[in-house]
Amino acid sequence: MILTKEKIDFYSQLPTGNVADNNPNGYVLPSDIKPIDPSLHLIGRAFPVDCAPKDNLALHRGIEAAKAGDVLIFDCKGFTEGGHFGDMMANACKQKGIAGVIINGSCRDSQDIKELGFPVYAKAYCPASTVKVQKAGLNQTITIGTATIHPGDLIFGDGDGVVVIPQNEEDVVMEKAVQKFEKEKEILKRILAGESTMKIYGFDKLIND
């Protein structure tokens, strides 16, 4: 799939729940990785970077290596006592056309990043300094929680979290997600007309009494 602007704009209507429900062989990132701005959507290709905790040299190298449309995913091993990523780096990413950043760790300058309107997800905020020592594992498969992320996987995020869609399954997953989105529009009309969700979904047939 080629992620044109038109396709990204269209998919941005979908909630992550519709995508996750139709992504049986994919993953959802751990729920403690949350967006700085829940109003933003994130869609792009995974550019995973293996990082060392409390060291942000790998993040700078990742920003330099990634392409426009990529989603940088920095695995800082869940370390949250250092500000791995900040507003200068967010500005550099946005200037380059990077679609967004996900950090398995902490960031700082959260208010400035929010005002920038650039999608960043992190486990926590921390203003503490970091070192610049370790080299990066650039664009290689990483695992965060139970989620394995391969270079080029489709990344889909909103205020609820992030879904990782295997590249070889993305067309089917997104087609089914769109179908569910359209179906739920009709369900909403029935709910607003006063119908019970038990009846609409057929759950009443599961109840014997």
Protein backbone atom coordinates (compact mmCIF):
# COMPACT_ATOMS: atom_id res chain seq x y z
CA MET A 1 0.00 0.00 0.00
CA ILE A 2 1.23 3.47 -0.90
CA LEU A 3 0.33 5.90 1.87
CA THR A 4 -0.84 8.89 -0.13
CA LYS A 5 -2.06 12.01 1.64
CA GLU A 6 -5.59 11.17 0.54
CA LYS A 7 -5.35 7.68 2.02
CA ILE A 8 -3.88 8.97 5.29
CA ASP A 9 -6.63 11.60 5.57
CA PHE A 10 -9.28 8.95 4.95
CA TYR A 11 -7.84 6.44 7.43
CA SER A 12 -7.56 9.19 10.05
CA GLN A 13 -11.34 8.96 10.44
CA LEU A 14 -11.01 5.46 11.86
CA PRO A 15 -10.61 4.76 15.58
CA THR A 16 -7.82 2.42 16.63
CA GLY A 17 -10.44 0.02 18.01
CA ASN A 18 -11.78 -0.67 14.51
CA VAL A 19 -8.25 -1.40 13.31
CA ALA A 20 -7.25 -3.53 16.31
CA ASP A 21 -10.41 -5.64 16.03
CA ASN A 22 -9.46 -6.62 12.48
CA ASN A 23 -5.72 -7.13 13.07
CA PRO A 24 -5.55 -10.73 14.36
CA ASN A 25 -1.84 -11.23 13.64
CA GLY A 26 -0.73 -7.77 14.70
CA TYR A 27 -0.19 -6.04 17.98
CA VAL A 28 -1.27 -3.20 20.19
CA LEU A 29 1.53 -1.41 22.04
CA PRO A 30 1.40 -1.44 25.87
CA SER A 31 -1.32 0.81 27.24
CA ASP A 32 1.12 2.91 29.28
CA ILE A 33 2.59 4.34 26.06
CA LYS A 34 0.31 7.34 25.63
CA PRO A 35 0.07 10.33 23.27
CA ILE A 36 1.10 13.80 24.35
CA ASP A 37 -1.86 15.11 22.33
CA PRO A 38 -4.75 12.59 22.20
CA SER A 39 -6.47 14.58 19.45
CA LEU A 40 -3.82 13.70 16.86
CA HIS A 41 -3.81 10.64 14.60
CA LEU A 42 -0.62 8.82 13.65
CA ILE A 43 -0.24 6.80 10.45
CA GLY A 44 3.05 5.79 8.84
CA ARG A 45 5.73 3.17 8.31
CA ALA A 46 7.67 1.81 11.26
CA PHE A 47 11.32 2.80 11.57
CA PRO A 48 12.32 0.94 14.75
CA VAL A 49 15.45 2.00 16.65
CA ASP A 50 17.10 -0.03 19.40
CA CYS A 51 18.32 2.36 22.11
CA ALA A 52 20.08 2.26 25.47
CA PRO A 53 18.25 3.56 28.56
CA LYS A 54 19.09 7.17 29.55
CA ASP A 55 21.07 7.60 26.32
CA ASN A 56 19.63 9.63 23.45
CA LEU A 57 22.42 9.47 20.87
CA ALA A 58 20.47 6.72 19.12
CA LEU A 59 17.44 9.00 18.89
CA HIS A 60 19.42 11.71 17.11
CA ARG A 61 20.82 9.11 14.70
CA GLY A 62 17.35 7.74 14.09
CA ILE A 63 15.99 11.17 13.20
CA GLU A 64 18.84 11.60 10.73
CA ALA A 65 18.29 8.18 9.13
CA ALA A 66 14.49 8.10 8.88
CA LYS A 67 12.56 9.25 5.81
CA ALA A 68 9.48 11.42 5.40
CA GLY A 69 6.40 9.39 6.32
CA ASP A 70 8.23 7.11 8.75
CA VAL A 71 7.19 6.61 12.35
CA LEU A 72 10.26 6.51 14.57
CA ILE A 73 9.87 3.93 17.32
CA PHE A 74 12.58 4.28 19.96
CA ASP A 75 12.97 1.32 22.30
CA CYS A 76 14.59 2.88 25.38
CA LYS A 77 13.77 -0.30 27.33
CA GLY A 78 11.03 1.40 29.28
CA PHE A 79 13.42 3.71 31.16
CA THR A 80 11.48 6.76 32.41
CA GLU A 81 14.01 8.71 34.49
CA GLY A 82 15.55 10.68 31.63
CA GLY A 83 14.20 13.00 28.94
CA HIS A 84 15.23 11.04 25.86
CA PHE A 85 13.29 13.23 23.42
CA GLY A 86 12.42 16.94 23.52
CA ASP A 87 11.01 19.84 21.56
CA MET A 88 14.12 20.50 19.44
CA MET A 89 14.06 16.91 18.25
CA ALA A 90 10.31 17.11 17.62
CA ASN A 91 10.84 20.20 15.48
CA ALA A 92 13.60 18.40 13.55
CA CYS A 93 11.25 15.47 12.92
CA LYS A 94 8.40 17.68 11.75
CA GLN A 95 10.72 19.66 9.48
CA LYS A 96 11.85 16.41 7.87
CA GLY A 97 8.31 15.12 7.35
CA ILE A 98 8.52 12.25 9.82
CA ALA A 99 4.98 11.12 10.66
CA GLY A 100 5.46 10.74 14.41
CA VAL A 101 7.52 9.34 17.27
CA ILE A 102 6.90 6.55 19.77
CA ILE A 103 9.19 6.18 22.77
CA ASN A 104 9.35 3.14 25.02
CA GLY A 105 10.70 5.48 27.67
CA SER A 106 10.24 9.11 28.65
CA CYS A 107 10.39 12.49 26.96
CA ARG A 108 10.40 16.12 28.08
CA ASP A 109 9.16 19.51 26.79
CA SER A 110 5.69 17.98 26.53
CA GLN A 111 3.83 21.30 26.38
CA ASP A 112 6.03 22.63 23.58
CA ILE A 113 5.59 19.38 21.65
CA LYS A 114 1.82 19.56 22.11
CA GLU A 115 1.75 23.13 20.78
CA LEU A 116 3.81 21.98 17.80
CA GLY A 117 1.04 19.58 16.78
CA PHE A 118 3.46 16.70 16.18
CA PRO A 119 2.39 13.19 17.27
CA VAL A 120 4.59 11.85 20.09
CA TYR A 121 3.81 8.87 22.32
CA ALA A 122 5.77 8.07 25.48
CA LYS A 123 5.51 6.16 28.77
CA ALA A 124 6.22 9.23 30.93
CA TYR A 125 7.59 12.76 31.11
CA CYS A 126 10.90 13.50 32.82
CA PRO A 127 13.11 16.60 32.55
CA ALA A 128 16.29 14.77 33.63
CA SER A 129 19.32 14.86 31.34
CA THR A 130 20.61 11.96 29.27
CA VAL A 131 24.01 10.86 27.98
CA LYS A 132 25.17 10.38 24.38
CA VAL A 133 27.31 7.27 24.26
CA GLN A 134 25.68 4.20 22.74
CA LYS A 135 25.31 3.54 19.04
CA ALA A 136 21.88 2.78 17.62
CA GLY A 137 20.40 -0.31 16.08
CA LEU A 138 18.76 1.45 13.15
CA ASN A 139 15.67 0.15 11.37
CA GLN A 140 15.78 -3.30 12.92
CA THR A 141 13.10 -5.49 14.47
CA ILE A 142 12.36 -4.66 18.10
CA THR A 143 9.95 -5.96 20.73
CA ILE A 144 8.07 -3.69 23.13
CA GLY A 145 6.01 -5.55 25.69
CA THR A 146 4.49 -8.40 23.68
CA ALA A 147 4.55 -6.42 20.42
CA THR A 148 7.11 -7.26 17.76
CA ILE A 149 7.67 -4.40 15.32
CA HIS A 150 9.34 -4.93 11.95
CA PRO A 151 10.69 -2.19 9.69
CA GLY A 152 7.94 -1.07 7.34
CA ASP A 153 5.01 -2.29 9.45
CA LEU A 154 2.02 0.01 9.28
CA ILE A 155 1.64 2.06 12.46
CA PHE A 156 -1.80 3.41 13.35
CA GLY A 157 -2.38 5.51 16.45
CA ASP A 158 -4.87 7.86 18.09
CA GLY A 159 -5.77 8.95 21.61
CA ASP A 160 -6.43 5.36 22.68
CA GLY A 161 -3.03 3.96 21.74
CA VAL A 162 -1.03 2.41 18.91
CA VAL A 163 -1.72 -0.58 16.65
CA VAL A 164 1.07 -2.36 14.75
CA ILE A 165 -0.15 -3.91 11.48
CA PRO A 166 2.06 -6.44 9.65
CA GLN A 167 2.95 -5.05 6.24
CA ASN A 168 1.85 -8.15 4.36
CA GLU A 169 -1.62 -8.00 5.95
CA GLU A 170 -2.30 -4.27 5.95
CA ASP A 171 -4.58 -4.15 2.90
CA VAL A 172 -6.99 -6.71 4.33
CA VAL A 173 -6.83 -5.28 7.86
CA MET A 174 -7.56 -1.73 6.74
CA GLU A 175 -10.32 -2.80 4.34
CA LYS A 176 -12.09 -4.65 7.17
CA ALA A 177 -11.52 -1.72 9.54
CA VAL A 178 -13.22 0.61 7.06
CA GLN A 179 -16.13 -1.82 6.72
CA LYS A 180 -16.56 -1.90 10.49
CA PHE A 181 -16.37 1.89 10.66
CA GLU A 182 -19.16 2.21 8.10
CA LYS A 183 -21.25 -0.46 9.86
CA GLU A 184 -20.93 1.37 13.17
CA LYS A 185 -22.33 4.52 11.57
CA GLU A 186 -25.54 2.57 10.92
CA ILE A 187 -25.51 1.10 14.43
CA LEU A 188 -25.21 4.59 15.89
CA LYS A 189 -28.31 5.68 13.97
CA ARG A 190 -30.24 2.79 15.52
CA ILE A 191 -28.97 3.62 19.01
CA LEU A 192 -29.99 7.26 18.60
CA ALA A 193 -33.40 6.03 17.45
CA GLY A 194 -33.79 4.28 20.79
CA GLU A 195 -32.84 0.67 20.06
CA SER A 196 -31.05 -1.38 22.70
CA THR A 197 -27.45 -2.46 22.12
CA MET A 198 -28.49 -5.89 23.45
CA LYS A 199 -30.90 -6.23 20.54
CA ILE A 200 -28.73 -4.56 17.89
CA TYR A 201 -25.77 -6.86 18.56
CA GLY A 202 -27.90 -9.92 19.22
CA PHE A 203 -26.67 -10.22 22.80
CA ASP A 204 -30.25 -10.75 23.97
CA LYS A 205 -30.04 -14.25 22.47
CA LEU A 206 -27.20 -15.04 24.90
CA ILE A 207 -29.43 -14.43 27.90
CA ASN A 208 -31.65 -17.31 28.96
CA ASP A 209 -33.85 -15.30 31.33
